């Protein structure tokens, strides 16, 4: 049984992506060989391992993006009120 090539470990020596790298990988009897050919950990498990190590970075990025959004909303509201003031003067 094979796996999609997105599950394959990239070989830095190869310049072309081998789309058949996962073909018949799981048919091998020695499951330890799988670790050298394919990713055996699922996406959620990998994310659960990655997130605690990078929690501060993720939090800082989230806060910065939120602040930028709030500044954008403030500037938009200010522009709207300025336009309304100009309309009222006429």
Protein backbone atom coordinates (compact mmCIF):
# COMPACT_ATOMS: atom_id res chain seq x y z
CA UNK A 1 0.00 0.00 0.00
CA UNK A 2 1.36 3.43 -0.88
CA UNK A 3 1.07 6.95 0.45
CA UNK A 4 0.70 10.30 -1.36
CA UNK A 5 3.94 11.99 -2.31
CA UNK A 6 3.13 14.82 0.10
CA UNK A 7 3.87 12.31 2.89
CA UNK A 8 7.37 11.65 1.55
CA UNK A 9 10.47 13.13 3.11
CA UNK A 10 12.14 15.53 0.72
CA UNK A 11 15.58 14.54 -0.48
CA UNK A 12 17.69 17.72 -0.71
CA UNK A 13 19.95 16.08 -3.28
CA UNK A 14 17.08 15.68 -5.75
CA UNK A 15 16.10 18.75 -7.75
CA UNK A 16 12.93 17.13 -9.14
CA UNK A 17 10.09 16.03 -6.84
CA UNK A 18 9.63 12.28 -6.98
CA UNK A 19 5.86 11.82 -7.09
CA UNK A 20 6.23 8.04 -6.87
CA UNK A 21 8.32 8.04 -3.69
CA UNK A 22 5.44 6.72 -1.57
CA UNK A 23 4.60 3.84 -3.88
CA UNK A 24 4.38 0.53 -2.00
CA UNK A 25 6.20 1.95 1.05
CA UNK A 26 3.83 0.48 3.60
CA UNK A 27 4.24 -2.98 2.09
CA UNK A 28 7.71 -3.16 3.63
CA UNK A 29 7.86 -5.46 6.64
CA UNK A 30 10.30 -3.35 8.62
CA UNK A 31 8.33 -0.33 9.84
CA UNK A 32 11.55 1.36 10.98
CA UNK A 33 12.38 1.87 7.30
CA UNK A 34 9.25 4.01 6.97
CA UNK A 35 10.84 6.77 9.07
CA UNK A 36 13.58 7.28 6.49
CA UNK A 37 11.15 7.49 3.56
CA UNK A 38 7.85 9.01 4.73
CA UNK A 39 6.41 11.16 7.51
CA UNK A 40 4.83 8.71 9.94
CA UNK A 41 3.43 11.34 12.32
CA UNK A 42 0.09 12.89 11.37
CA UNK A 43 -0.48 16.60 10.90
CA UNK A 44 -2.36 17.07 14.16
CA UNK A 45 0.29 15.25 16.19
CA UNK A 46 3.02 17.30 14.52
CA UNK A 47 1.09 20.51 15.24
CA UNK A 48 0.59 19.48 18.86
CA UNK A 49 4.36 19.04 19.16
CA UNK A 50 5.20 22.26 17.31
CA UNK A 51 2.73 24.65 18.97
CA UNK A 52 4.01 24.51 22.58
CA UNK A 53 7.57 25.16 21.39
CA UNK A 54 6.45 28.21 19.39
CA UNK A 55 3.62 29.50 21.54
CA UNK A 56 5.20 32.90 22.24
CA UNK A 57 5.88 33.49 18.54
CA UNK A 58 2.31 32.54 17.59
CA UNK A 59 0.91 34.77 20.35
CA UNK A 60 3.05 37.75 19.30
CA UNK A 61 2.03 37.36 15.65
CA UNK A 62 -1.62 37.12 16.69
CA UNK A 63 -1.38 40.25 18.85
CA UNK A 64 0.44 42.26 16.15
CA UNK A 65 -2.12 41.30 13.50
CA UNK A 66 -4.96 42.17 15.90
CA UNK A 67 -3.43 45.57 16.65
CA UNK A 68 -2.98 46.28 12.95
CA UNK A 69 -6.63 45.39 12.36
CA UNK A 70 -7.72 47.71 15.17
CA UNK A 71 -5.62 50.57 13.79
CA UNK A 72 -7.18 49.99 10.37
CA UNK A 73 -10.68 50.08 11.86
CA UNK A 74 -9.85 53.27 13.77
CA UNK A 75 -8.50 54.96 10.64
CA UNK A 76 -11.55 53.90 8.63
CA UNK A 77 -13.91 55.28 11.29
CA UNK A 78 -11.92 58.53 11.39
CA UNK A 79 -12.12 58.84 7.61
CA UNK A 80 -15.87 58.24 7.69
CA UNK A 81 -16.39 60.91 10.34
CA UNK A 82 -14.22 63.39 8.39
CA UNK A 83 -16.25 62.74 5.24
CA UNK A 84 -19.48 63.23 7.19
CA UNK A 85 -18.19 66.56 8.58
CA UNK A 86 -17.34 67.78 5.06
CA UNK A 87 -20.80 66.75 3.82
CA UNK A 88 -22.51 68.63 6.67
CA UNK A 89 -20.66 71.87 5.88
CA UNK A 90 -22.18 72.06 2.42
